[in-house]
């Protein structure tokens, strides 16, 4: 019985988010048109960008490489220093994963420019 409540509430949440997104987008567009904005600004597809699969693969690969480098650096730090390995492993893994995602973000911006 509890599983039914979970699925019903999940459906209601997804429906509510979609409804709010679409209704607010419609109201925003109507307000822009009333103020005299050109309707051509709503046409999507004119802008050339990199395919989404290339962006996902690039960011996922850099994230995984960052995690690998983070584990390696944490291993080196815990072996050759007297730092606490309980704190150094998560810190370097998260830091290097963040660096990898930041590099991926910058590379994605460069993909969109070309």
PDB file of N, CA and C in Angstrom:
ATOM      1  N   UNK A   1       0.808  -1.187   0.000  1.00  0.00           N
ATOM      2  CA  UNK A   1       0.000   0.000   0.000  1.00  0.00           C
ATOM      3  C   UNK A   1       0.859   1.262   0.000  1.00  0.00           C
ATOM      4  N   UNK A   2       1.994   1.210   0.753  1.00  0.00           N
ATOM      5  CA  UNK A   2       2.867   2.376   0.799  1.00  0.00           C
ATOM      6  C   UNK A   2       3.531   2.624  -0.547  1.00  0.00           C
ATOM      7  N   UNK A   3       3.801   1.555  -1.293  1.00  0.00           N
ATOM      8  CA  UNK A   3       4.433   1.709  -2.597  1.00  0.00           C
ATOM      9  C   UNK A   3       3.505   2.446  -3.562  1.00  0.00           C
ATOM     10  N   UNK A   4       2.214   2.228  -3.423  1.00  0.00           N
ATOM     11  CA  UNK A   4       1.252   2.923  -4.280  1.00  0.00           C
ATOM     12  C   UNK A   4       1.268   4.418  -3.992  1.00  0.00           C
ATOM     13  N   UNK A   5       1.384   4.785  -2.714  1.00  0.00           N
ATOM     14  CA  UNK A   5       1.460   6.202  -2.364  1.00  0.00           C
ATOM     15  C   UNK A   5       2.725   6.844  -2.926  1.00  0.00           C
ATOM     16  N   UNK A   6       3.815   6.103  -2.919  1.00  0.00           N
ATOM     17  CA  UNK A   6       5.069   6.627  -3.457  1.00  0.00           C
ATOM     18  C   UNK A   6       4.932   6.891  -4.951  1.00  0.00           C
ATOM     19  N   UNK A   7       4.386   5.953  -5.680  1.00  0.00           N
ATOM     20  CA  UNK A   7       4.251   6.129  -7.126  1.00  0.00           C
ATOM     21  C   UNK A   7       3.250   7.223  -7.474  1.00  0.00           C
ATOM     22  N   UNK A   8       2.172   7.298  -6.723  1.00  0.00           N
ATOM     23  CA  UNK A   8       1.177   8.347  -6.967  1.00  0.00           C
ATOM     24  C   UNK A   8       1.780   9.720  -6.679  1.00  0.00           C
ATOM     25  N   UNK A   9       2.493   9.837  -5.567  1.00  0.00           N
ATOM     26  CA  UNK A   9       3.099  11.133  -5.248  1.00  0.00           C
ATOM     27  C   UNK A   9       4.202  11.483  -6.235  1.00  0.00           C
ATOM     28  N   UNK A  10       4.946  10.497  -6.704  1.00  0.00           N
ATOM     29  CA  UNK A  10       5.971  10.753  -7.717  1.00  0.00           C
ATOM     30  C   UNK A  10       5.334  11.251  -9.011  1.00  0.00           C
ATOM     31  N   UNK A  11       4.247  10.641  -9.428  1.00  0.00           N
ATOM     32  CA  UNK A  11       3.546  11.087 -10.620  1.00  0.00           C
ATOM     33  C   UNK A  11       3.022  12.511 -10.446  1.00  0.00           C
ATOM     34  N   UNK A  12       2.465  12.810  -9.280  1.00  0.00           N
ATOM     35  CA  UNK A  12       1.931  14.153  -9.027  1.00  0.00           C
ATOM     36  C   UNK A  12       3.053  15.192  -9.052  1.00  0.00           C
ATOM     37  N   UNK A  13       4.184  14.862  -8.489  1.00  0.00           N
ATOM     38  CA  UNK A  13       5.318  15.800  -8.480  1.00  0.00           C
ATOM     39  C   UNK A  13       5.819  16.051  -9.895  1.00  0.00           C
ATOM     40  N   UNK A  14       5.980  15.001 -10.685  1.00  0.00           N
ATOM     41  CA  UNK A  14       6.457  15.171 -12.064  1.00  0.00           C
ATOM     42  C   UNK A  14       5.448  15.964 -12.882  1.00  0.00           C
ATOM     43  N   UNK A  15       4.170  15.665 -12.730  1.00  0.00           N
ATOM     44  CA  UNK A  15       3.139  16.417 -13.438  1.00  0.00           C
ATOM     45  C   UNK A  15       3.131  17.877 -13.008  1.00  0.00           C
ATOM     46  N   UNK A  16       3.274  18.142 -11.714  1.00  0.00           N
ATOM     47  CA  UNK A  16       3.282  19.513 -11.213  1.00  0.00           C
ATOM     48  C   UNK A  16       4.455  20.307 -11.736  1.00  0.00           C
ATOM     49  N   UNK A  17       5.626  19.709 -11.779  1.00  0.00           N
ATOM     50  CA  UNK A  17       6.803  20.405 -12.300  1.00  0.00           C
ATOM     51  C   UNK A  17       6.626  20.712 -13.776  1.00  0.00           C
ATOM     52  N   UNK A  18       6.141  19.750 -14.545  1.00  0.00           N
ATOM     53  CA  UNK A  18       5.933  19.980 -15.976  1.00  0.00           C
ATOM     54  C   UNK A  18       4.875  21.053 -16.207  1.00  0.00           C
ATOM     55  N   UNK A  19       3.798  21.033 -15.425  1.00  0.00           N
ATOM     56  CA  UNK A  19       2.743  22.027 -15.582  1.00  0.00           C
ATOM     57  C   UNK A  19       3.247  23.426 -15.245  1.00  0.00           C
ATOM     58  N   UNK A  20       3.979  23.554 -14.147  1.00  0.00           N
ATOM     59  CA  UNK A  20       4.507  24.861 -13.765  1.00  0.00           C
ATOM     60  C   UNK A  20       5.509  25.382 -14.799  1.00  0.00           C
ATOM     61  N   UNK A  21       6.328  24.503 -15.331  1.00  0.00           N
ATOM     62  CA  UNK A  21       7.306  24.917 -16.336  1.00  0.00           C
ATOM     63  C   UNK A  21       6.602  25.421 -17.595  1.00  0.00           C
ATOM     64  N   UNK A  22       5.644  24.648 -18.085  1.00  0.00           N
ATOM     65  CA  UNK A  22       4.972  25.033 -19.323  1.00  0.00           C
ATOM     66  C   UNK A  22       4.090  26.264 -19.146  1.00  0.00           C
ATOM     67  N   UNK A  23       3.398  26.371 -18.027  1.00  0.00           N
ATOM     68  CA  UNK A  23       2.527  27.528 -17.836  1.00  0.00           C
ATOM     69  C   UNK A  23       3.332  28.803 -17.626  1.00  0.00           C
ATOM     70  N   UNK A  24       4.438  28.724 -16.884  1.00  0.00           N
ATOM     71  CA  UNK A  24       5.254  29.931 -16.685  1.00  0.00           C
ATOM     72  C   UNK A  24       5.953  30.330 -17.980  1.00  0.00           C
ATOM     73  N   UNK A  25       6.353  29.367 -18.789  1.00  0.00           N
ATOM     74  CA  UNK A  25       6.967  29.689 -20.075  1.00  0.00           C
ATOM     75  C   UNK A  25       5.957  30.380 -20.988  1.00  0.00           C
ATOM     76  N   UNK A  26       4.718  29.903 -20.974  1.00  0.00           N
ATOM     77  CA  UNK A  26       3.679  30.515 -21.799  1.00  0.00           C
ATOM     78  C   UNK A  26       3.392  31.943 -21.337  1.00  0.00           C
ATOM     79  N   UNK A  27       3.289  32.152 -20.019  1.00  0.00           N
ATOM     80  CA  UNK A  27       3.027  33.499 -19.494  1.00  0.00           C
ATOM     81  C   UNK A  27       4.175  34.447 -19.822  1.00  0.00           C
ATOM     82  N   UNK A  28       5.392  33.961 -19.735  1.00  0.00           N
ATOM     83  CA  UNK A  28       6.549  34.797 -20.048  1.00  0.00           C
ATOM     84  C   UNK A  28       6.558  35.187 -21.520  1.00  0.00           C
ATOM     85  N   UNK A  29       6.254  34.252 -22.379  1.00  0.00           N
ATOM     86  CA  UNK A  29       6.216  34.554 -23.817  1.00  0.00           C
ATOM     87  C   UNK A  29       5.103  35.546 -24.150  1.00  0.00           C
ATOM     88  N   UNK A  30       3.942  35.368 -23.532  1.00  0.00           N
ATOM     89  CA  UNK A  30       2.847  36.308 -23.772  1.00  0.00           C
ATOM     90  C   UNK A  30       3.210  37.715 -23.297  1.00  0.00           C
ATOM     91  N   UNK A  31       3.887  37.807 -22.161  1.00  0.00           N
ATOM     92  CA  UNK A  31       4.298  39.116 -21.654  1.00  0.00           C
ATOM     93  C   UNK A  31       5.306  39.772 -22.597  1.00  0.00           C
ATOM     94  N   UNK A  32       6.219  38.996 -23.148  1.00  0.00           N
ATOM     95  CA  UNK A  32       7.196  39.558 -24.082  1.00  0.00           C
ATOM     96  C   UNK A  32       6.526  40.014 -25.375  1.00  0.00           C
ATOM     97  N   UNK A  33       5.568  39.251 -25.855  1.00  0.00           N
ATOM     98  CA  UNK A  33       4.871  39.627 -27.087  1.00  0.00           C
ATOM     99  C   UNK A  33       4.044  40.886 -26.854  1.00  0.00           C
ATOM    100  N   UNK A  34       3.409  41.006 -25.665  1.00  0.00           N
ATOM    101  CA  UNK A  34       2.637  42.210 -25.364  1.00  0.00           C
ATOM    102  C   UNK A  34       3.513  43.453 -25.299  1.00  0.00           C
ATOM    103  N   UNK A  35       4.759  43.285 -24.901  1.00  0.00           N
ATOM    104  CA  UNK A  35       5.666  44.430 -24.823  1.00  0.00           C
ATOM    105  C   UNK A  35       6.290  44.756 -26.171  1.00  0.00           C
ATOM    106  N   UNK A  36       5.993  43.967 -27.185  1.00  0.00           N
ATOM    107  CA  UNK A  36       6.459  44.270 -28.530  1.00  0.00           C
ATOM    108  C   UNK A  36       7.681  43.495 -28.968  1.00  0.00           C
ATOM    109  N   UNK A  37       8.043  42.442 -28.271  1.00  0.00           N
ATOM    110  CA  UNK A  37       9.197  41.638 -28.679  1.00  0.00           C
ATOM    111  C   UNK A  37       8.841  40.831 -29.923  1.00  0.00           C
ATOM    112  N   UNK A  38       9.825  40.593 -30.752  1.00  0.00           N
ATOM    113  CA  UNK A  38       9.618  39.824 -31.970  1.00  0.00           C
ATOM    114  C   UNK A  38       9.423  38.354 -31.613  1.00  0.00           C
ATOM    115  N   UNK A  39       8.506  37.692 -32.265  1.00  0.00           N
ATOM    116  CA  UNK A  39       8.201  36.292 -31.963  1.00  0.00           C
ATOM    117  C   UNK A  39       9.298  35.347 -32.432  1.00  0.00           C
ATOM    118  N   UNK A  40      10.231  35.829 -33.240  1.00  0.00           N
ATOM    119  CA  UNK A  40      11.291  34.955 -33.736  1.00  0.00           C
ATOM    120  C   UNK A  40      12.288  34.581 -32.644  1.00  0.00           C
ATOM    121  N   UNK A  41      12.256  35.250 -31.495  1.00  0.00           N
ATOM    122  CA  UNK A  41      13.187  34.883 -30.425  1.00  0.00           C
ATOM    123  C   UNK A  41      12.815  33.553 -29.785  1.00  0.00           C
ATOM    124  N   UNK A  42      11.617  33.065 -30.045  1.00  0.00           N
ATOM    125  CA  UNK A  42      11.188  31.804 -29.469  1.00  0.00           C
ATOM    126  C   UNK A  42      11.525  30.610 -30.352  1.00  0.00           C
ATOM    127  N   UNK A  43      12.033  30.858 -31.519  1.00  0.00           N
ATOM    128  CA  UNK A  43      12.390  29.765 -32.421  1.00  0.00           C
ATOM    129  C   UNK A  43      13.702  29.147 -31.966  1.00  0.00           C
ATOM    130  N   UNK A  44      13.635  27.914 -31.568  1.00  0.00           N
ATOM    131  CA  UNK A  44      14.867  27.229 -31.197  1.00  0.00           C
ATOM    132  C   UNK A  44      15.292  26.362 -32.374  1.00  0.00           C
ATOM    133  N   UNK A  45      16.554  26.094 -32.443  1.00  0.00           N
ATOM    134  CA  UNK A  45      17.064  25.302 -33.541  1.00  0.00           C
ATOM    135  C   UNK A  45      17.908  26.116 -34.496  1.00  0.00           C
ATOM    136  N   UNK A  46      17.924  27.398 -34.368  1.00  0.00           N
ATOM    137  CA  UNK A  46      18.756  28.237 -35.218  1.00  0.00           C
ATOM    138  C   UNK A  46      20.214  28.190 -34.763  1.00  0.00           C
ATOM    139  N   UNK A  47      20.417  27.954 -33.481  1.00  0.00           N
ATOM    140  CA  UNK A  47      21.743  27.973 -32.909  1.00  0.00           C
ATOM    141  C   UNK A  47      22.398  26.605 -33.072  1.00  0.00           C
ATOM    142  N   UNK A  48      23.597  26.603 -33.598  1.00  0.00           N
ATOM    143  CA  UNK A  48      24.340  25.359 -33.756  1.00  0.00           C
ATOM    144  C   UNK A  48      25.115  25.076 -32.475  1.00  0.00           C
ATOM    145  N   UNK A  49      24.974  23.894 -31.960  1.00  0.00           N
ATOM    146  CA  UNK A  49      25.724  23.513 -30.766  1.00  0.00           C
ATOM    147  C   UNK A  49      26.171  22.068 -30.924  1.00  0.00           C
ATOM    148  N   UNK A  50      27.051  21.659 -30.047  1.00  0.00           N
ATOM    149  CA  UNK A  50      27.571  20.294 -30.085  1.00  0.00           C
ATOM    150  C   UNK A  50      26.466  19.318 -29.691  1.00  0.00           C
ATOM    151  N   UNK A  51      26.472  18.128 -30.284  1.00  0.00           N
ATOM    152  CA  UNK A  51      25.468  17.122 -29.901  1.00  0.00           C
ATOM    153  C   UNK A  51      25.595  16.769 -28.421  1.00  0.00           C
ATOM    154  N   UNK A  52      24.471  16.461 -27.808  1.00  0.00           N
ATOM    155  CA  UNK A  52      24.445  16.218 -26.366  1.00  0.00           C
ATOM    156  C   UNK A  52      25.258  14.989 -25.998  1.00  0.00           C
ATOM    157  N   UNK A  53      25.327  14.003 -26.873  1.00  0.00           N
ATOM    158  CA  UNK A  53      26.084  12.801 -26.533  1.00  0.00           C
ATOM    159  C   UNK A  53      27.569  13.090 -26.451  1.00  0.00           C
ATOM    160  N   UNK A  54      28.063  14.030 -27.259  1.00  0.00           N
ATOM    161  CA  UNK A  54      29.476  14.385 -27.170  1.00  0.00           C
ATOM    162  C   UNK A  54      29.779  15.096 -25.860  1.00  0.00           C
ATOM    163  N   UNK A  55      28.868  15.948 -25.436  1.00  0.00           N
ATOM    164  CA  UNK A  55      29.057  16.676 -24.183  1.00  0.00           C
ATOM    165  C   UNK A  55      29.022  15.708 -23.006  1.00  0.00           C
ATOM    166  N   UNK A  56      28.080  14.767 -23.020  1.00  0.00           N
ATOM    167  CA  UNK A  56      27.984  13.796 -21.922  1.00  0.00           C
ATOM    168  C   UNK A  56      29.211  12.900 -21.843  1.00  0.00           C
ATOM    169  N   UNK A  57      29.672  12.422 -22.982  1.00  0.00           N
ATOM    170  CA  UNK A  57      30.841  11.556 -22.985  1.00  0.00           C
ATOM    171  C   UNK A  57      32.074  12.316 -22.525  1.00  0.00           C
ATOM    172  N   UNK A  58      32.229  13.553 -22.993  1.00  0.00           N
ATOM    173  CA  UNK A  58      33.371  14.367 -22.588  1.00  0.00           C
ATOM    174  C   UNK A  58      33.366  14.606 -21.081  1.00  0.00           C
ATOM    175  N   UNK A  59      32.234  15.021 -20.535  1.00  0.00           N
ATOM    176  CA  UNK A  59      32.170  15.308 -19.097  1.00  0.00           C
ATOM    177  C   UNK A  59      32.297  14.046 -18.253  1.00  0.00           C
ATOM    178  N   UNK A  60      31.699  12.949 -18.688  1.00  0.00           N
ATOM    179  CA  UNK A  60      31.809  11.697 -17.938  1.00  0.00           C
ATOM    180  C   UNK A  60      33.241  11.181 -17.941  1.00  0.00           C
ATOM    181  N   UNK A  61      33.900  11.257 -19.084  1.00  0.00           N
ATOM    182  CA  UNK A  61      35.281  10.771 -19.140  1.00  0.00           C
ATOM    183  C   UNK A  61      36.201  11.630 -18.277  1.00  0.00           C
ATOM    184  N   UNK A  62      36.024  12.953 -18.310  1.00  0.00           N
ATOM    185  CA  UNK A  62      36.859  13.806 -17.471  1.00  0.00           C
ATOM    186  C   UNK A  62      36.540  13.633 -15.984  1.00  0.00           C
ATOM    187  N   UNK A  63      35.287  13.363 -15.649  1.00  0.00           N
ATOM    188  CA  UNK A  63      34.932  13.090 -14.261  1.00  0.00           C
ATOM    189  C   UNK A  63      35.612  11.819 -13.765  1.00  0.00           C
ATOM    190  N   UNK A  64      35.552  10.773 -14.570  1.00  0.00           N
ATOM    191  CA  UNK A  64      36.169   9.509 -14.162  1.00  0.00           C
ATOM    192  C   UNK A  64      37.691   9.620 -14.087  1.00  0.00           C
ATOM    193  N   UNK A  65      38.291  10.372 -15.019  1.00  0.00           N
ATOM    194  CA  UNK A  65      39.738  10.590 -14.945  1.00  0.00           C
ATOM    195  C   UNK A  65      40.092  11.399 -13.702  1.00  0.00           C
ATOM    196  N   UNK A  66      39.265  12.372 -13.352  1.00  0.00           N
ATOM    197  CA  UNK A  66      39.508  13.154 -12.147  1.00  0.00           C
ATOM    198  C   UNK A  66      39.412  12.303 -10.895  1.00  0.00           C
ATOM    199  N   UNK A  67      38.463  11.394 -10.855  1.00  0.00           N
ATOM    200  CA  UNK A  67      38.339  10.496  -9.703  1.00  0.00           C
ATOM    201  C   UNK A  67      39.567   9.586  -9.613  1.00  0.00           C
ATOM    202  N   UNK A  68      40.016   9.076 -10.752  1.00  0.00           N
ATOM    203  CA  UNK A  68      41.204   8.225 -10.756  1.00  0.00           C
ATOM    204  C   UNK A  68      42.445   8.963 -10.295  1.00  0.00           C
ATOM    205  N   UNK A  69      42.631  10.173 -10.774  1.00  0.00           N
ATOM    206  CA  UNK A  69      43.778  10.978 -10.352  1.00  0.00           C
ATOM    207  C   UNK A  69      43.652  11.325  -8.873  1.00  0.00           C
ATOM    208  N   UNK A  70      42.436  11.583  -8.410  1.00  0.00           N
ATOM    209  CA  UNK A  70      42.226  11.871  -6.990  1.00  0.00           C
ATOM    210  C   UNK A  70      42.592  10.703  -6.099  1.00  0.00           C
ATOM    211  N   UNK A  71      42.226   9.491  -6.502  1.00  0.00           N
ATOM    212  CA  UNK A  71      42.593   8.302  -5.732  1.00  0.00           C
ATOM    213  C   UNK A  71      44.114   8.132  -5.720  1.00  0.00           C
ATOM    214  N   UNK A  72      44.752   8.362  -6.869  1.00  0.00           N
ATOM    215  CA  UNK A  72      46.210   8.223  -6.956  1.00  0.00           C
ATOM    216  C   UNK A  72      46.916   9.243  -6.071  1.00  0.00           C
ATOM    217  N   UNK A  73      46.484  10.493  -6.118  1.00  0.00           N
ATOM    218  CA  UNK A  73      47.105  11.530  -5.288  1.00  0.00           C
ATOM    219  C   UNK A  73      46.864  11.248  -3.808  1.00  0.00           C
ATOM    220  N   UNK A  74      45.653  10.782  -3.469  1.00  0.00           N
ATOM    221  CA  UNK A  74      45.367  10.445  -2.073  1.00  0.00           C
ATOM    222  C   UNK A  74      46.245   9.296  -1.604  1.00  0.00           C
ATOM    223  N   UNK A  75      46.488   8.319  -2.453  1.00  0.00           N
ATOM    224  CA  UNK A  75      47.367   7.206  -2.102  1.00  0.00           C
ATOM    225  C   UNK A  75      48.783   7.701  -1.860  1.00  0.00           C
ATOM    226  N   UNK A  76      49.254   8.583  -2.739  1.00  0.00           N
ATOM    227  CA  UNK A  76      50.600   9.144  -2.556  1.00  0.00           C
ATOM    228  C   UNK A  76      50.688   9.952  -1.267  1.00  0.00           C
ATOM    229  N   UNK A  77      49.675  10.767  -0.994  1.00  0.00           N
ATOM    230  CA  UNK A  77      49.696  11.590   0.210  1.00  0.00           C
ATOM    231  C   UNK A  77      49.637  10.751   1.481  1.00  0.00           C
ATOM    232  N   UNK A  78      48.822   9.709   1.469  1.00  0.00           N
ATOM    233  CA  UNK A  78      48.716   8.892   2.683  1.00  0.00           C
ATOM    234  C   UNK A  78      49.951   8.017   2.885  1.00  0.00           C
ATOM    235  N   UNK A  79      50.637   7.688   1.791  1.00  0.00           N
ATOM    236  CA  UNK A  79      51.828   6.849   1.911  1.00  0.00           C
ATOM    237  C   UNK A  79      53.035   7.656   2.369  1.00  0.00           C
ATOM    238  N   UNK A  80      53.240   8.818   1.792  1.00  0.00           N
ATOM    239  CA  UNK A  80      54.469   9.566   2.021  1.00  0.00           C
ATOM    240  C   UNK A  80      54.332  10.717   3.014  1.00  0.00           C
ATOM    241  N   UNK A  81      53.174  10.919   3.591  1.00  0.00           N
ATOM    242  CA  UNK A  81      53.008  11.944   4.621  1.00  0.00           C
ATOM    243  C   UNK A  81      52.331  11.325   5.831  1.00  0.00           C
ATOM    244  N   UNK A  82      52.240  12.101   6.880  1.00  0.00           N
ATOM    245  CA  UNK A  82      51.590  11.600   8.093  1.00  0.00           C
ATOM    246  C   UNK A  82      50.155  12.111   8.215  1.00  0.00           C
ATOM    247  N   UNK A  83      49.547  12.468   7.068  1.00  0.00           N
ATOM    248  CA  UNK A  83      48.172  12.956   7.079  1.00  0.00           C
ATOM    249  C   UNK A  83      47.205  11.809   7.340  1.00  0.00           C
ATOM    250  N   UNK A  84      46.057  12.133   7.897  1.00  0.00           N
ATOM    251  CA  UNK A  84      45.033  11.139   8.194  1.00  0.00           C
ATOM    252  C   UNK A  84      44.392  10.668   6.893  1.00  0.00           C
ATOM    253  N   UNK A  85      44.469   9.385   6.593  1.00  0.00           N
ATOM    254  CA  UNK A  85      43.937   8.874   5.327  1.00  0.00           C
ATOM    255  C   UNK A  85      42.414   8.876   5.301  1.00  0.00           C
ATOM    256  N   UNK A  86      41.767   8.935   6.470  1.00  0.00           N
ATOM    257  CA  UNK A  86      40.304   8.980   6.489  1.00  0.00           C
ATOM    258  C   UNK A  86      39.772  10.280   5.903  1.00  0.00           C
ATOM    259  N   UNK A  87      40.517  11.353   6.031  1.00  0.00           N
ATOM    260  CA  UNK A  87      40.076  12.641   5.507  1.00  0.00           C
ATOM    261  C   UNK A  87      40.669  12.987   4.162  1.00  0.00           C
ATOM    262  N   UNK A  88      41.836  12.437   3.876  1.00  0.00           N
ATOM    263  CA  UNK A  88      42.532  12.844   2.657  1.00  0.00           C
ATOM    264  C   UNK A  88      41.926  12.181   1.416  1.00  0.00           C
ATOM    265  N   UNK A  89      41.422  10.976   1.535  1.00  0.00           N
ATOM    266  CA  UNK A  89      40.843  10.302   0.366  1.00  0.00           C
ATOM    267  C   UNK A  89      39.601  11.018  -0.177  1.00  0.00           C
ATOM    268  N   UNK A  90      38.585  11.272   0.654  1.00  0.00           N
ATOM    269  CA  UNK A  90      37.415  11.973   0.084  1.00  0.00           C
ATOM    270  C   UNK A  90      37.743  13.376  -0.388  1.00  0.00           C
ATOM    271  N   UNK A  91      38.647  14.052   0.315  1.00  0.00           N
ATOM    272  CA  UNK A  91      38.968  15.426  -0.064  1.00  0.00           C
ATOM    273  C   UNK A  91      39.620  15.481  -1.441  1.00  0.00           C
ATOM    274  N   UNK A  92      40.601  14.656  -1.676  1.00  0.00           N
ATOM    275  CA  UNK A  92      41.277  14.709  -2.980  1.00  0.00           C
ATOM    276  C   UNK A  92      40.403  14.136  -4.094  1.00  0.00           C
ATOM    277  N   UNK A  93      39.609  13.136  -3.794  1.00  0.00           N
ATOM    278  CA  UNK A  93      38.733  12.575  -4.830  1.00  0.00           C
ATOM    279  C   UNK A  93      37.713  13.615  -5.272  1.00  0.00           C
ATOM    280  N   UNK A  94      37.055  14.276  -4.319  1.00  0.00           N
ATOM    281  CA  UNK A  94      36.071  15.294  -4.689  1.00  0.00           C
ATOM    282  C   UNK A  94      36.713  16.492  -5.355  1.00  0.00           C
ATOM    283  N   UNK A  95      37.886  16.886  -4.880  1.00  0.00           N
ATOM    284  CA  UNK A  95      38.563  18.029  -5.478  1.00  0.00           C
ATOM    285  C   UNK A  95      38.948  17.740  -6.922  1.00  0.00           C
ATOM    286  N   UNK A  96      39.534  16.594  -7.179  1.00  0.00           N
ATOM    287  CA  UNK A  96      39.969  16.274  -8.537  1.00  0.00           C
ATOM    288  C   UNK A  96      38.780  15.990  -9.454  1.00  0.00           C
ATOM    289  N   UNK A  97      37.689  15.450  -8.916  1.00  0.00           N
ATOM    290  CA  UNK A  97      36.474  15.272  -9.722  1.00  0.00           C
ATOM    291  C   UNK A  97      35.917  16.634 -10.119  1.00  0.00           C
ATOM    292  N   UNK A  98      35.948  17.583  -9.192  1.00  0.00           N
ATOM    293  CA  UNK A  98      35.504  18.942  -9.506  1.00  0.00           C
ATOM    294  C   UNK A  98      36.390  19.608 -10.540  1.00  0.00           C
ATOM    295  N   UNK A  99      37.681  19.393 -10.442  1.00  0.00           N
ATOM    296  CA  UNK A  99      38.607  19.949 -11.441  1.00  0.00           C
ATOM    297  C   UNK A  99      38.315  19.343 -12.813  1.00  0.00           C
ATOM    298  N   UNK A 100      38.058  18.038 -12.839  1.00  0.00           N
ATOM    299  CA  UNK A 100      37.727  17.390 -14.108  1.00  0.00           C
ATOM    300  C   UNK A 100      36.451  17.929 -14.716  1.00  0.00           C
ATOM    301  N   UNK A 101      35.425  18.164 -13.897  1.00  0.00           N
ATOM    302  CA  UNK A 101      34.169  18.718 -14.404  1.00  0.00           C
ATOM    303  C   UNK A 101      34.342  20.162 -14.859  1.00  0.00           C
ATOM    304  N   UNK A 102      35.176  20.923 -14.168  1.00  0.00           N
ATOM    305  CA  UNK A 102      35.443  22.299 -14.589  1.00  0.00           C
ATOM    306  C   UNK A 102      36.162  22.331 -15.936  1.00  0.00           C
ATOM    307  N   UNK A 103      37.123  21.454 -16.125  1.00  0.00           N
ATOM    308  CA  UNK A 103      37.805  21.362 -17.410  1.00  0.00           C
ATOM    309  C   UNK A 103      36.820  20.931 -18.494  1.00  0.00           C
ATOM    310  N   UNK A 104      35.936  19.999 -18.167  1.00  0.00           N
ATOM    311  CA  UNK A 104      34.915  19.572 -19.124  1.00  0.00           C
ATOM    312  C   UNK A 104      33.968  20.699 -19.498  1.00  0.00           C
ATOM    313  N   UNK A 105      33.618  21.530 -18.533  1.00  0.00           N
ATOM    314  CA  UNK A 105      32.759  22.684 -18.815  1.00  0.00           C
ATOM    315  C   UNK A 105      33.442  23.634 -19.788  1.00  0.00           C
ATOM    316  N   UNK A 106      34.718  23.918 -19.546  1.00  0.00           N
ATOM    317  CA  UNK A 106      35.451  24.820 -20.443  1.00  0.00           C
ATOM    318  C   UNK A 106      35.630  24.205 -21.830  1.00  0.00           C
ATOM    319  N   UNK A 107      35.852  22.907 -21.903  1.00  0.00           N
ATOM    320  CA  UNK A 107      35.990  22.256 -23.209  1.00  0.00           C
ATOM    321  C   UNK A 107      34.656  22.237 -23.938  1.00  0.00           C
ATOM    322  N   UNK A 108      33.549  22.112 -23.226  1.00  0.00           N
ATOM    323  CA  UNK A 108      32.228  22.145 -23.847  1.00  0.00           C
ATOM    324  C   UNK A 108      31.930  23.523 -24.433  1.00  0.00           C
ATOM    325  N   UNK A 109      32.339  24.577 -23.716  1.00  0.00           N
ATOM    326  CA  UNK A 109      32.179  25.919 -24.258  1.00  0.00           C
ATOM    327  C   UNK A 109      32.965  26.078 -25.561  1.00  0.00           C
ATOM    328  N   UNK A 110      34.146  25.481 -25.611  1.00  0.00           N
ATOM    329  CA  UNK A 110      34.944  25.547 -26.828  1.00  0.00           C
ATOM    330  C   UNK A 110      34.326  24.733 -27.963  1.00  0.00           C
ATOM    331  N   UNK A 111      33.637  23.635 -27.628  1.00  0.00           N
ATOM    332  CA  UNK A 111      32.940  22.852 -28.659  1.00  0.00           C
ATOM    333  C   UNK A 111      31.809  23.663 -29.287  1.00  0.00           C
ATOM    334  N   UNK A 112      31.117  24.435 -28.461  1.00  0.00           N
ATOM    335  CA  UNK A 112      29.993  25.232 -28.967  1.00  0.00           C
ATOM    336  C   UNK A 112      30.465  26.366 -29.861  1.00  0.00           C
ATOM    337  N   UNK A 113      31.665  26.893 -29.615  1.00  0.00           N
ATOM    338  CA  UNK A 113      32.184  27.989 -30.425  1.00  0.00           C
ATOM    339  C   UNK A 113      32.574  27.510 -31.820  1.00  0.00           C
ATOM    340  N   UNK A 114      33.069  26.301 -31.920  1.00  0.00           N
ATOM    341  CA  UNK A 114      33.565  25.790 -33.212  1.00  0.00           C
ATOM    342  C   UNK A 114      32.452  25.312 -34.100  1.00  0.00           C
TER     343      UNK A 114
END
